[in-house]
Every structure is written in C-alpha cells, then in structure tokens.
Amino acid sequence: MDKTDLIYYCKGCNKKINSRTALYGTSFCLSCIMEKVVLHGKNHQSFKHGKWSKDFHNYCECGKEICGVSKRCRSCARKEQYKDPKNHPMYINGCATIPYPSIFSDELKAEVRDRDNHECQCCLKAEIELDEILAVHHIDYDKDNCSKENLISLCNSCHSKSISNRDYWFAYYSALMLSCSSL
C-alpha cells in the first residue's frame, strides 16, 4: 500500500486533508494553518464575520499599501533604519555625509561626460538612450580627489550599485579607466 493511498485528517478540526499536504509534514488543513499557525487566530484583522477575508490589505503608517507580513513600506523601514547614521551605507569614519569641494563643479562634470562620450562606462548606455544625465562618480570614493582620472560617468542604475561593496567597485572602475587610458 502506497502512502498516498492513506487517508489523513487535520489535527485541528479533524477534516480530511490532501495526502500530499500530510506527506510534506503539515498535519493541519489550510483553515487551521491560517487560524492557528500563520495568522494567530480569530483576533487577526483579516478574520471577519466568522470567515477569512480574501480581500485583506495591509497599510503602512504612511498610508501606502504593503503586502505580506511587513509592518512598514520600504521607504518607512529605511527611514527607521537610518535614524542611527551608522546604519547608512555612506557612513565612513564618523560621518554619513561629506560636502563636495567647490572644484567638483558642473563644468568639471560636463568635461568628464564629454570625455566618456556621454555613455555610462559600466553598461555602455548613452544619455540619450537612458533619457537622463549621467552621474559623475569618484572611483576612490574620496570627494576631495577631483582629478579627471578619478572620475567616471555612470548611469543612475550603475551608480547606485557602486554604493555598496566599495572595494569591488573601486578595483573594477580603476581597471576600466586603466584600459581606457591605454587605448
């Protein structure tokens, strides 16, 4: 006799349950799982008028609709996380934000974009194709080092990737600039 031929019953309400459900380690029907395990019983806000509401929606404190068991939307969760500046990805040596020097001007940025042919040096997409002005990124992450060899044009997507894992991106962009200068 095969295990799938056996009849299994829910431990909560004693209803017959699917043999696959029982074989995968769950001995409760979906209603009992929702009530007892996942949603913590009939006190949950989606349990209304003696049944589970299928059109249940969660909302963040800011009013945005959120899915799953989250308590906050992504932006509110980030704000809470960054209340302590040490949690911010830009936090270095006691400071989360350092102002740019006056030499890092719009003219300098325009010269770097011209040098890079108005293309992102990482994904090679052009400003016209992206419909955005490229960001000018400091390869060594030192805002005071504004030499053109330390600056590179990046689209917003590639620039946002460079915020984390700085050692990797420093090595990658340094090698990229070396290969471009040798051409």
N, C-alpha and C. Protein backbone atom coordinates (compact mmCIF):
# COMPACT_ATOMS: atom_id res chain seq x y z
N MET A 1 0.84 -1.19 0.00
CA MET A 1 0.00 0.00 0.00
C MET A 1 0.88 1.25 0.00
N ASP A 2 0.60 2.17 -0.90
CA ASP A 2 1.36 3.41 -1.05
C ASP A 2 0.89 4.43 -0.01
N LYS A 3 1.82 5.32 0.43
CA LYS A 3 1.49 6.32 1.44
C LYS A 3 0.43 7.30 0.94
N THR A 4 0.37 7.51 -0.39
CA THR A 4 -0.61 8.45 -0.94
C THR A 4 -2.02 7.85 -0.92
N ASP A 5 -2.14 6.56 -0.72
CA ASP A 5 -3.45 5.92 -0.66
C ASP A 5 -4.09 6.05 0.72
N LEU A 6 -3.31 6.43 1.72
CA LEU A 6 -3.83 6.56 3.08
C LEU A 6 -4.68 7.82 3.20
N ILE A 7 -5.59 7.80 4.14
CA ILE A 7 -6.45 8.96 4.40
C ILE A 7 -5.88 9.69 5.62
N TYR A 8 -5.72 10.99 5.47
CA TYR A 8 -5.16 11.81 6.54
C TYR A 8 -6.21 12.80 7.02
N TYR A 9 -6.16 13.11 8.32
CA TYR A 9 -7.11 14.02 8.93
C TYR A 9 -6.38 15.16 9.62
N CYS A 10 -6.98 16.34 9.57
CA CYS A 10 -6.43 17.53 10.20
C CYS A 10 -6.42 17.35 11.72
N LYS A 11 -5.31 17.71 12.35
CA LYS A 11 -5.20 17.61 13.81
C LYS A 11 -6.01 18.70 14.52
N GLY A 12 -6.38 19.74 13.80
CA GLY A 12 -7.12 20.83 14.41
C GLY A 12 -8.62 20.65 14.37
N CYS A 13 -9.16 20.31 13.19
CA CYS A 13 -10.61 20.24 13.04
C CYS A 13 -11.10 18.85 12.62
N ASN A 14 -10.18 17.93 12.40
CA ASN A 14 -10.48 16.54 12.06
C ASN A 14 -11.10 16.38 10.66
N LYS A 15 -10.91 17.38 9.78
CA LYS A 15 -11.38 17.26 8.40
C LYS A 15 -10.36 16.44 7.61
N LYS A 16 -10.84 15.80 6.55
CA LYS A 16 -9.96 15.04 5.67
C LYS A 16 -9.06 16.04 4.93
N ILE A 17 -7.76 15.74 4.86
CA ILE A 17 -6.84 16.63 4.16
C ILE A 17 -6.15 15.89 3.03
N ASN A 18 -5.57 16.63 2.13
CA ASN A 18 -4.85 16.10 0.97
C ASN A 18 -3.67 15.26 1.45
N SER A 19 -3.47 14.10 0.83
CA SER A 19 -2.36 13.23 1.25
C SER A 19 -1.01 13.89 1.00
N ARG A 20 -0.88 14.71 -0.06
CA ARG A 20 0.38 15.40 -0.32
C ARG A 20 0.70 16.38 0.80
N THR A 21 -0.31 17.08 1.27
CA THR A 21 -0.13 18.04 2.36
C THR A 21 0.41 17.32 3.59
N ALA A 22 -0.18 16.17 3.90
CA ALA A 22 0.25 15.41 5.08
C ALA A 22 1.65 14.84 4.90
N LEU A 23 1.97 14.40 3.69
CA LEU A 23 3.28 13.81 3.45
C LEU A 23 4.40 14.84 3.51
N TYR A 24 4.08 16.11 3.24
CA TYR A 24 5.09 17.16 3.30
C TYR A 24 5.23 17.74 4.71
N GLY A 25 4.67 17.07 5.68
CA GLY A 25 4.91 17.43 7.07
C GLY A 25 3.87 18.33 7.71
N THR A 26 2.81 18.69 7.00
CA THR A 26 1.77 19.51 7.58
C THR A 26 0.60 18.62 7.95
N SER A 27 0.19 18.62 9.19
CA SER A 27 -0.94 17.78 9.58
C SER A 27 -2.16 18.62 9.90
N PHE A 28 -2.24 19.82 9.31
CA PHE A 28 -3.38 20.70 9.50
C PHE A 28 -3.94 21.09 8.14
N CYS A 29 -5.25 21.32 8.09
CA CYS A 29 -5.85 21.83 6.85
C CYS A 29 -5.50 23.32 6.72
N LEU A 30 -5.76 23.89 5.56
CA LEU A 30 -5.41 25.29 5.30
C LEU A 30 -6.11 26.23 6.29
N SER A 31 -7.37 25.97 6.60
CA SER A 31 -8.10 26.84 7.54
C SER A 31 -7.44 26.85 8.90
N CYS A 32 -7.04 25.67 9.38
CA CYS A 32 -6.40 25.60 10.70
C CYS A 32 -5.01 26.23 10.69
N ILE A 33 -4.30 26.08 9.58
CA ILE A 33 -2.99 26.72 9.47
C ILE A 33 -3.16 28.23 9.54
N MET A 34 -4.12 28.75 8.77
CA MET A 34 -4.36 30.19 8.77
C MET A 34 -4.75 30.67 10.17
N GLU A 35 -5.58 29.89 10.83
CA GLU A 35 -6.09 30.30 12.14
C GLU A 35 -5.06 30.16 13.24
N LYS A 36 -4.35 29.05 13.27
CA LYS A 36 -3.50 28.73 14.42
C LYS A 36 -2.03 29.05 14.21
N VAL A 37 -1.53 28.85 13.02
CA VAL A 37 -0.10 28.97 12.81
C VAL A 37 0.29 30.32 12.24
N VAL A 38 -0.27 30.67 11.10
CA VAL A 38 0.19 31.85 10.38
C VAL A 38 -0.42 33.14 10.93
N LEU A 39 -1.72 33.20 11.06
CA LEU A 39 -2.37 34.48 11.36
C LEU A 39 -2.79 34.64 12.82
N HIS A 40 -2.40 33.73 13.69
CA HIS A 40 -2.61 33.85 15.13
C HIS A 40 -4.08 33.95 15.55
N GLY A 41 -4.90 33.16 14.91
CA GLY A 41 -6.27 33.00 15.40
C GLY A 41 -7.26 34.03 14.93
N LYS A 42 -8.42 33.96 15.54
CA LYS A 42 -9.57 34.77 15.14
C LYS A 42 -9.43 36.24 15.50
N ASN A 43 -8.39 36.61 16.23
CA ASN A 43 -8.16 38.01 16.56
C ASN A 43 -7.48 38.76 15.42
N HIS A 44 -7.03 38.03 14.40
CA HIS A 44 -6.34 38.68 13.28
C HIS A 44 -7.32 39.53 12.49
N GLN A 45 -6.84 40.66 11.95
CA GLN A 45 -7.71 41.62 11.28
C GLN A 45 -8.34 41.10 9.99
N SER A 46 -7.81 40.02 9.40
CA SER A 46 -8.42 39.51 8.17
C SER A 46 -9.52 38.48 8.45
N PHE A 47 -9.73 38.14 9.73
CA PHE A 47 -10.80 37.21 10.10
C PHE A 47 -12.02 38.02 10.48
N LYS A 48 -13.01 38.07 9.59
CA LYS A 48 -14.18 38.90 9.81
C LYS A 48 -15.45 38.09 9.63
N HIS A 49 -16.39 38.28 10.50
CA HIS A 49 -17.71 37.66 10.42
C HIS A 49 -17.62 36.14 10.32
N GLY A 50 -16.71 35.54 11.07
CA GLY A 50 -16.60 34.09 11.14
C GLY A 50 -15.89 33.43 9.97
N LYS A 51 -15.26 34.21 9.09
CA LYS A 51 -14.52 33.62 7.98
C LYS A 51 -13.33 34.50 7.62
N TRP A 52 -12.43 33.92 6.85
CA TRP A 52 -11.23 34.65 6.44
C TRP A 52 -11.56 35.51 5.24
N SER A 53 -11.20 36.77 5.32
CA SER A 53 -11.42 37.71 4.23
C SER A 53 -10.32 37.54 3.19
N LYS A 54 -10.72 37.38 1.92
CA LYS A 54 -9.73 37.20 0.86
C LYS A 54 -9.21 38.53 0.34
N ASP A 55 -9.94 39.59 0.59
CA ASP A 55 -9.51 40.90 0.10
C ASP A 55 -8.84 41.70 1.20
N PHE A 56 -8.00 41.05 1.95
CA PHE A 56 -7.30 41.68 3.07
C PHE A 56 -6.13 42.51 2.54
N HIS A 57 -5.99 43.71 3.06
CA HIS A 57 -4.89 44.60 2.68
C HIS A 57 -4.22 45.14 3.93
N ASN A 58 -2.91 45.24 3.90
CA ASN A 58 -2.14 45.85 4.98
C ASN A 58 -1.71 47.23 4.52
N TYR A 59 -1.66 48.17 5.45
CA TYR A 59 -1.23 49.52 5.12
C TYR A 59 -0.14 49.97 6.09
N CYS A 60 0.82 50.67 5.55
CA CYS A 60 1.90 51.25 6.35
C CYS A 60 1.35 52.47 7.10
N GLU A 61 2.08 52.94 8.09
CA GLU A 61 1.67 54.12 8.83
C GLU A 61 1.60 55.36 7.96
N CYS A 62 2.32 55.35 6.81
CA CYS A 62 2.27 56.49 5.90
C CYS A 62 1.09 56.42 4.93
N GLY A 63 0.38 55.28 4.94
CA GLY A 63 -0.80 55.13 4.09
C GLY A 63 -0.59 54.26 2.86
N LYS A 64 0.65 53.88 2.55
CA LYS A 64 0.91 53.03 1.39
C LYS A 64 0.47 51.61 1.67
N GLU A 65 -0.08 50.94 0.64
CA GLU A 65 -0.46 49.54 0.79
C GLU A 65 0.80 48.68 0.77
N ILE A 66 0.87 47.72 1.68
CA ILE A 66 2.02 46.81 1.74
C ILE A 66 1.53 45.39 1.67
N CYS A 67 2.39 44.50 1.23
CA CYS A 67 1.99 43.10 1.09
C CYS A 67 2.72 42.26 2.13
N GLY A 68 2.23 41.06 2.32
CA GLY A 68 2.87 40.13 3.23
C GLY A 68 2.70 40.53 4.68
N VAL A 69 3.67 40.17 5.49
CA VAL A 69 3.59 40.42 6.92
C VAL A 69 4.39 41.64 7.34
N SER A 70 4.81 42.45 6.39
CA SER A 70 5.59 43.65 6.70
C SER A 70 4.77 44.62 7.54
N LYS A 71 5.45 45.37 8.38
CA LYS A 71 4.78 46.37 9.20
C LYS A 71 4.87 47.75 8.57
N ARG A 72 5.91 47.95 7.71
CA ARG A 72 6.14 49.24 7.09
C ARG A 72 6.45 49.05 5.61
N CYS A 73 6.24 50.11 4.83
CA CYS A 73 6.67 50.10 3.44
C CYS A 73 8.20 50.23 3.43
N ARG A 74 8.80 50.03 2.28
CA ARG A 74 10.26 50.04 2.18
C ARG A 74 10.86 51.39 2.60
N SER A 75 10.25 52.48 2.13
CA SER A 75 10.83 53.79 2.46
C SER A 75 10.71 54.10 3.95
N CYS A 76 9.61 53.74 4.60
CA CYS A 76 9.48 53.98 6.04
C CYS A 76 10.44 53.09 6.83
N ALA A 77 10.64 51.86 6.35
CA ALA A 77 11.58 50.96 7.02
C ALA A 77 13.00 51.51 6.92
N ARG A 78 13.37 52.07 5.76
CA ARG A 78 14.70 52.67 5.60
C ARG A 78 14.88 53.87 6.52
N LYS A 79 13.84 54.72 6.60
CA LYS A 79 13.93 55.89 7.47
C LYS A 79 14.17 55.47 8.91
N GLU A 80 13.48 54.42 9.33
CA GLU A 80 13.65 53.91 10.69
C GLU A 80 15.07 53.36 10.86
N GLN A 81 15.55 52.63 9.85
CA GLN A 81 16.88 52.04 9.91
C GLN A 81 17.96 53.13 9.98
N TYR A 82 17.78 54.21 9.21
CA TYR A 82 18.80 55.24 9.11
C TYR A 82 18.70 56.31 10.19
N LYS A 83 17.81 56.13 11.17
CA LYS A 83 17.78 57.07 12.30
C LYS A 83 19.13 57.07 13.00
N ASP A 84 19.77 55.92 13.01
CA ASP A 84 21.14 55.82 13.51
C ASP A 84 22.06 55.97 12.30
N PRO A 85 22.83 57.05 12.17
CA PRO A 85 23.66 57.28 10.98
C PRO A 85 24.66 56.16 10.70
N LYS A 86 25.03 55.40 11.72
CA LYS A 86 25.98 54.31 11.50
C LYS A 86 25.42 53.21 10.61
N ASN A 87 24.09 53.13 10.47
CA ASN A 87 23.45 52.13 9.62
C ASN A 87 23.40 52.55 8.15
N HIS A 88 23.72 53.80 7.86
CA HIS A 88 23.65 54.31 6.49
C HIS A 88 24.84 53.79 5.68
N PRO A 89 24.61 53.36 4.41
CA PRO A 89 25.72 52.83 3.61
C PRO A 89 26.83 53.84 3.31
N MET A 90 26.53 55.12 3.43
CA MET A 90 27.53 56.15 3.17
C MET A 90 28.34 56.51 4.42
N TYR A 91 28.08 55.85 5.54
CA TYR A 91 28.75 56.17 6.80
C TYR A 91 30.20 55.72 6.75
N ILE A 92 31.13 56.68 6.89
CA ILE A 92 32.56 56.39 6.90
C ILE A 92 33.22 57.26 7.96
N ASN A 93 33.94 56.64 8.85
CA ASN A 93 34.74 57.35 9.86
C ASN A 93 33.97 58.44 10.60
N GLY A 94 32.79 58.11 11.07
CA GLY A 94 32.05 59.04 11.92
C GLY A 94 31.19 60.05 11.18
N CYS A 95 31.11 59.96 9.87
CA CYS A 95 30.31 60.94 9.12
C CYS A 95 29.56 60.23 8.00
N ALA A 96 28.27 60.53 7.88
CA ALA A 96 27.46 59.91 6.84
C ALA A 96 27.43 60.77 5.57
N THR A 97 27.56 62.05 5.71
CA THR A 97 27.54 62.92 4.53
C THR A 97 28.68 63.93 4.62
N ILE A 98 29.47 63.99 3.58
CA ILE A 98 30.58 64.94 3.50
C ILE A 98 30.31 65.82 2.29
N PRO A 99 30.38 67.14 2.44
CA PRO A 99 30.09 68.01 1.30
C PRO A 99 31.17 67.89 0.22
N TYR A 100 30.76 68.14 -1.03
CA TYR A 100 31.70 68.12 -2.14
C TYR A 100 32.51 69.42 -2.15
N PRO A 101 33.77 69.39 -2.59
CA PRO A 101 34.56 70.62 -2.69
C PRO A 101 34.08 71.47 -3.86
N SER A 102 34.43 72.73 -3.86
CA SER A 102 33.97 73.65 -4.91
C SER A 102 34.54 73.30 -6.28
N ILE A 103 35.67 72.60 -6.32
CA ILE A 103 36.27 72.22 -7.61
C ILE A 103 35.41 71.19 -8.36
N PHE A 104 34.57 70.46 -7.63
CA PHE A 104 33.68 69.47 -8.24
C PHE A 104 32.45 70.21 -8.77
N SER A 105 32.66 70.92 -9.86
CA SER A 105 31.65 71.83 -10.41
C SER A 105 30.91 71.18 -11.58
N ASP A 106 29.88 71.87 -12.03
CA ASP A 106 29.12 71.40 -13.19
C ASP A 106 30.00 71.36 -14.44
N GLU A 107 30.94 72.30 -14.54
CA GLU A 107 31.86 72.33 -15.69
C GLU A 107 32.76 71.09 -15.70
N LEU A 108 33.29 70.74 -14.54
CA LEU A 108 34.14 69.55 -14.44
C LEU A 108 33.34 68.29 -14.80
N LYS A 109 32.12 68.20 -14.29
CA LYS A 109 31.27 67.04 -14.60
C LYS A 109 30.99 66.96 -16.10
N ALA A 110 30.74 68.12 -16.73
CA ALA A 110 30.48 68.15 -18.18
C ALA A 110 31.71 67.68 -18.95
N GLU A 111 32.91 68.09 -18.51
CA GLU A 111 34.15 67.64 -19.16
C GLU A 111 34.32 66.12 -19.06
N VAL A 112 33.99 65.56 -17.90
CA VAL A 112 34.11 64.10 -17.71
C VAL A 112 33.10 63.37 -18.60
N ARG A 113 31.87 63.89 -18.66
CA ARG A 113 30.86 63.26 -19.53
C ARG A 113 31.27 63.35 -20.99
N ASP A 114 31.84 64.49 -21.42
CA ASP A 114 32.34 64.65 -22.79
C ASP A 114 33.46 63.64 -23.06
N ARG A 115 34.39 63.53 -22.13
CA ARG A 115 35.50 62.58 -22.28
C ARG A 115 34.97 61.15 -22.46
N ASP A 116 33.89 60.82 -21.74
CA ASP A 116 33.31 59.46 -21.79
C ASP A 116 32.23 59.33 -22.88
N ASN A 117 32.17 60.30 -23.79
CA ASN A 117 31.22 60.29 -24.91
C ASN A 117 29.76 60.18 -24.47
N HIS A 118 29.45 60.73 -23.32
CA HIS A 118 28.09 60.72 -22.77
C HIS A 118 27.51 59.30 -22.72
N GLU A 119 28.37 58.34 -22.35
CA GLU A 119 27.97 56.94 -22.18
C GLU A 119 28.34 56.47 -20.78
N CYS A 120 27.47 55.66 -20.20
CA CYS A 120 27.80 55.02 -18.92
C CYS A 120 28.97 54.09 -19.18
N GLN A 121 30.02 54.23 -18.41
CA GLN A 121 31.22 53.43 -18.63
C GLN A 121 31.09 52.00 -18.10
N CYS A 122 30.00 51.72 -17.42
CA CYS A 122 29.78 50.37 -16.91
C CYS A 122 28.89 49.56 -17.86
N CYS A 123 27.71 50.09 -18.18
CA CYS A 123 26.77 49.34 -19.04
C CYS A 123 26.78 49.84 -20.49
N LEU A 124 27.52 50.91 -20.77
CA LEU A 124 27.71 51.48 -22.12
C LEU A 124 26.43 52.04 -22.75
N LYS A 125 25.45 52.40 -21.93
CA LYS A 125 24.24 53.03 -22.46
C LYS A 125 24.46 54.53 -22.54
N ALA A 126 23.94 55.14 -23.60
CA ALA A 126 24.12 56.57 -23.83
C ALA A 126 23.07 57.38 -23.06
N GLU A 127 23.41 58.65 -22.77
CA GLU A 127 22.48 59.55 -22.10
C GLU A 127 21.16 59.66 -22.86
N ILE A 128 21.25 59.75 -24.17
CA ILE A 128 20.04 59.89 -25.00
C ILE A 128 19.15 58.66 -24.86
N GLU A 129 19.76 57.49 -24.87
CA GLU A 129 19.03 56.23 -24.74
C GLU A 129 18.37 56.13 -23.35
N LEU A 130 19.08 56.58 -22.33
CA LEU A 130 18.57 56.50 -20.95
C LEU A 130 17.61 57.62 -20.61
N ASP A 131 17.68 58.72 -21.37
CA ASP A 131 16.88 59.91 -21.11
C ASP A 131 17.16 60.47 -19.72
N GLU A 132 18.45 60.48 -19.36
CA GLU A 132 18.89 61.03 -18.07
C GLU A 132 20.32 61.53 -18.21
N ILE A 133 20.67 62.48 -17.37
CA ILE A 133 22.05 62.96 -17.34
C ILE A 133 22.86 62.00 -16.50
N LEU A 134 24.02 61.62 -16.99
CA LEU A 134 24.86 60.66 -16.27
C LEU A 134 25.44 61.28 -15.00
N ALA A 135 25.59 60.46 -13.99
CA ALA A 135 26.24 60.87 -12.75
C ALA A 135 27.74 60.79 -12.94
N VAL A 136 28.48 61.61 -12.22
CA VAL A 136 29.93 61.55 -12.24
C VAL A 136 30.37 60.99 -10.90
N HIS A 137 31.03 59.84 -10.93
CA HIS A 137 31.37 59.08 -9.74
C HIS A 137 32.85 59.18 -9.43
N HIS A 138 33.18 59.33 -8.13
CA HIS A 138 34.57 59.30 -7.66
C HIS A 138 34.99 57.84 -7.50
N ILE A 139 35.93 57.39 -8.28
CA ILE A 139 36.35 55.99 -8.27
C ILE A 139 36.88 55.57 -6.91
N ASP A 140 37.69 56.42 -6.27
CA ASP A 140 38.27 56.05 -4.98
C ASP A 140 37.40 56.47 -3.79
N TYR A 141 36.20 56.97 -4.08
CA TYR A 141 35.23 57.39 -3.06
C TYR A 141 35.71 58.56 -2.20
N ASP A 142 36.77 59.23 -2.63
CA ASP A 142 37.29 60.40 -1.93
C ASP A 142 36.77 61.63 -2.65
N LYS A 143 35.86 62.35 -2.03
CA LYS A 143 35.25 63.52 -2.67
C LYS A 143 36.25 64.64 -2.93
N ASP A 144 37.34 64.65 -2.18
CA ASP A 144 38.35 65.70 -2.37
C ASP A 144 39.25 65.42 -3.57
N ASN A 145 39.30 64.18 -4.03
CA ASN A 145 40.14 63.81 -5.18
C ASN A 145 39.31 64.00 -6.45
N CYS A 146 39.39 65.17 -7.02
CA CYS A 146 38.59 65.50 -8.20
C CYS A 146 39.41 65.51 -9.49
N SER A 147 40.49 64.74 -9.54
CA SER A 147 41.25 64.64 -10.78
C SER A 147 40.41 63.84 -11.78
N LYS A 148 40.55 64.18 -13.05
CA LYS A 148 39.73 63.53 -14.08
C LYS A 148 39.98 62.03 -14.15
N GLU A 149 41.17 61.58 -13.75
CA GLU A 149 41.47 60.15 -13.75
C GLU A 149 40.70 59.41 -12.66
N ASN A 150 40.20 60.15 -11.68
CA ASN A 150 39.45 59.55 -10.58
C ASN A 150 37.93 59.67 -10.78
N LEU A 151 37.50 60.26 -11.89
CA LEU A 151 36.08 60.47 -12.14
C LEU A 151 35.62 59.65 -13.33
N ILE A 152 34.41 59.13 -13.24
CA ILE A 152 33.86 58.27 -14.28
C ILE A 152 32.37 58.56 -14.43
N SER A 153 31.86 58.48 -15.66
CA SER A 153 30.44 58.72 -15.93
C SER A 153 29.66 57.41 -15.77
N LEU A 154 28.59 57.47 -14.98
CA LEU A 154 27.76 56.30 -14.75
C LEU A 154 26.28 56.68 -14.83
N CYS A 155 25.45 55.74 -15.31
CA CYS A 155 24.01 55.96 -15.27
C CYS A 155 23.55 55.80 -13.82
N ASN A 156 22.34 56.22 -13.51
CA ASN A 156 21.85 56.16 -12.14
C ASN A 156 21.82 54.74 -11.60
N SER A 157 21.47 53.77 -12.44
CA SER A 157 21.41 52.38 -12.00
C SER A 157 22.79 51.86 -11.61
N CYS A 158 23.77 52.06 -12.46
CA CYS A 158 25.15 51.61 -12.16
C CYS A 158 25.74 52.39 -10.99
N HIS A 159 25.40 53.68 -10.90
CA HIS A 159 25.92 54.49 -9.80
C HIS A 159 25.36 54.01 -8.46
N SER A 160 24.09 53.63 -8.43
CA SER A 160 23.51 53.16 -7.17
C SER A 160 24.11 51.82 -6.74
N LYS A 161 24.55 51.01 -7.69
CA LYS A 161 25.19 49.74 -7.35
C LYS A 161 26.55 49.97 -6.68
N SER A 162 27.19 51.08 -7.03
CA SER A 162 28.55 51.33 -6.52
C SER A 162 28.56 51.80 -5.07
N ILE A 163 27.40 52.02 -4.46
CA ILE A 163 27.35 52.48 -3.07
C ILE A 163 27.82 51.39 -2.12
N SER A 164 27.41 50.17 -2.39
CA SER A 164 27.84 49.07 -1.52
C SER A 164 28.97 48.30 -2.19
N ASN A 165 29.66 47.48 -1.43
CA ASN A 165 30.78 46.68 -1.93
C ASN A 165 31.84 47.57 -2.59
N ARG A 166 32.27 48.57 -1.88
CA ARG A 166 33.15 49.61 -2.42
C ARG A 166 34.50 49.08 -2.91
N ASP A 167 35.05 48.10 -2.22
CA ASP A 167 36.35 47.55 -2.65
C ASP A 167 36.25 46.97 -4.05
N TYR A 168 35.18 46.22 -4.30
CA TYR A 168 34.98 45.62 -5.62
C TYR A 168 34.88 46.70 -6.70
N TRP A 169 34.00 47.71 -6.46
CA TRP A 169 33.78 48.73 -7.49
C TRP A 169 35.00 49.63 -7.67
N PHE A 170 35.76 49.87 -6.61
CA PHE A 170 36.99 50.64 -6.75
C PHE A 170 37.95 49.91 -7.70
N ALA A 171 38.13 48.60 -7.48
CA ALA A 171 39.02 47.81 -8.34
C ALA A 171 38.49 47.74 -9.77
N TYR A 172 37.19 47.56 -9.92
CA TYR A 172 36.57 47.42 -11.24
C TYR A 172 36.73 48.72 -12.05
N TYR A 173 36.35 49.85 -11.44
CA TYR A 173 36.42 51.12 -12.16
C TYR A 173 37.86 51.56 -12.39
N SER A 174 38.76 51.24 -11.48
CA SER A 174 40.18 51.56 -11.68
C SER A 174 40.73 50.80 -12.88
N ALA A 175 40.41 49.52 -12.97
CA ALA A 175 40.87 48.70 -14.10
C ALA A 175 40.23 49.20 -15.40
N LEU A 176 38.99 49.60 -15.33
CA LEU A 176 38.28 50.11 -16.52
C LEU A 176 38.94 51.39 -17.02
N MET A 177 39.28 52.28 -16.12
CA MET A 177 39.92 53.54 -16.51
C MET A 177 41.34 53.30 -17.04
N LEU A 178 42.05 52.32 -16.47
CA LEU A 178 43.39 51.97 -16.98
C LEU A 178 43.31 51.45 -18.40
N SER A 179 42.32 50.59 -18.66
CA SER A 179 42.20 50.03 -20.01
C SER A 179 41.79 51.10 -21.02
N CYS A 180 40.98 52.07 -20.58
CA CYS A 180 40.56 53.17 -21.47
C CYS A 180 41.70 54.12 -21.77
N SER A 181 42.55 54.37 -20.77
CA SER A 181 43.66 55.30 -20.98
C SER A 181 44.76 54.71 -21.85
N SER A 182 44.83 53.37 -21.90
CA SER A 182 45.87 52.74 -22.71
C SER A 182 45.49 52.65 -24.18
N LEU A 183 44.22 52.96 -24.51
CA LEU A 183 43.77 52.91 -25.91
C LEU A 183 44.26 54.06 -26.73
